[in-house]
Structure formats: structure tokens, C-alpha cells
Amino acid sequence: MSKDIRKSFGELLRTARKSRNLTQEELGDKAGLHFTYIGQIERGHRNPSLINIYRIQKALRIPISDIFPT
């Protein structure tokens, strides 16, 4: 995954999280992930696994298409 894709994904994640008035810590708790990991994803510094993307998507209660728009 290129840096640009990671950064774009992170920006989409941050927007979705903030639109639900969640902190990184709250999202991390809901997804079973550490809040620093959420922050690293949002900044494009981490390449999340498919299972972690699924956990985040379920925690945010959004369709997967909102995370991966066409």
C-alpha cells in the first residue's frame, strides 16, 4: 500500500470518527485497538490489516463503502 493510500484512508477515518463525535480513545475502545494505533492510522503512518479495518468499520457503524469509496 503506498503512502498516499494510507494517508487518504487515514483522512477518511478521521472524518468518520469526528463526525460521530468520538475521540481516538473512544474509537479504540469500541474497536478493541489502542488509541495510539488509531492515531497512527489517521496520520498515514500505519498500514492496518483487513481485520483491523473491519473492527474500525464495525465500531463506527458505517458501510465499508464509506471507508473505500469508488
Protein backbone atom coordinates (compact mmCIF):
# COMPACT_ATOMS: atom_id res chain seq x y z
CA MET A 1 0.00 0.00 0.00
CA SER A 2 1.50 3.32 -0.97
CA LYS A 3 1.91 6.21 1.44
CA ASP A 4 -0.75 8.20 -0.44
CA ILE A 5 -3.34 5.46 0.01
CA ARG A 6 -2.54 5.16 3.71
CA LYS A 7 -2.84 8.93 4.12
CA SER A 8 -6.16 9.06 2.22
CA PHE A 9 -7.55 6.18 4.26
CA GLY A 10 -6.45 7.90 7.46
CA GLU A 11 -8.15 11.13 6.48
CA LEU A 12 -11.39 9.28 5.72
CA LEU A 13 -11.15 7.50 9.05
CA ARG A 14 -10.56 10.75 10.96
CA THR A 15 -13.51 12.42 9.23
CA ALA A 16 -15.81 9.47 10.03
CA ARG A 17 -14.65 9.38 13.65
CA LYS A 18 -15.05 13.11 14.21
CA SER A 19 -18.48 13.17 12.54
CA ARG A 20 -19.57 10.72 15.24
CA ASN A 21 -18.02 12.88 17.98
CA LEU A 22 -15.64 10.11 19.03
CA THR A 23 -12.14 10.57 20.37
CA GLN A 24 -9.35 8.29 19.21
CA GLU A 25 -9.52 6.64 22.63
CA GLU A 26 -13.28 6.03 22.37
CA LEU A 27 -12.93 4.56 18.89
CA GLY A 28 -10.04 2.42 20.04
CA ASP A 29 -12.11 1.08 22.93
CA LYS A 30 -15.04 0.26 20.64
CA ALA A 31 -12.78 -1.43 18.08
CA GLY A 32 -10.55 -3.22 20.58
CA LEU A 33 -7.49 -1.30 19.39
CA HIS A 34 -5.09 1.05 21.18
CA PHE A 35 -5.80 4.75 20.68
CA THR A 36 -2.22 5.41 19.56
CA TYR A 37 -2.71 2.87 16.77
CA ILE A 38 -5.86 4.74 15.65
CA GLY A 39 -3.84 7.97 15.57
CA GLN A 40 -1.07 6.35 13.56
CA ILE A 41 -3.60 5.09 11.01
CA GLU A 42 -5.20 8.54 10.79
CA ARG A 43 -1.80 10.13 10.10
CA GLY A 44 -0.97 7.54 7.43
CA HIS A 45 1.88 6.03 9.47
CA ARG A 46 0.38 2.55 9.80
CA ASN A 47 -0.89 0.04 7.28
CA PRO A 48 -3.89 -1.55 9.05
CA SER A 49 -4.72 -5.19 8.48
CA LEU A 50 -8.02 -6.23 6.96
CA ILE A 51 -9.28 -7.46 10.34
CA ASN A 52 -8.45 -4.10 11.96
CA ILE A 53 -10.20 -2.22 9.16
CA TYR A 54 -13.23 -4.45 9.78
CA ARG A 55 -13.10 -3.74 13.54
CA ILE A 56 -12.92 0.01 12.91
CA GLN A 57 -15.76 -0.11 10.39
CA LYS A 58 -17.98 -2.03 12.82
CA ALA A 59 -17.09 0.31 15.70
CA LEU A 60 -18.02 3.34 13.59
CA ARG A 61 -21.19 1.59 12.34
CA ILE A 62 -20.61 2.69 8.78
CA PRO A 63 -20.82 0.82 5.48
CA ILE A 64 -17.48 -0.40 4.18
CA SER A 65 -18.14 1.70 1.06
CA ASP A 66 -17.73 4.83 3.21
CA ILE A 67 -14.17 3.76 4.01
CA PHE A 68 -13.36 2.62 0.47
CA PRO A 69 -15.27 4.93 -1.87
CA THR A 70 -15.16 4.10 -5.57
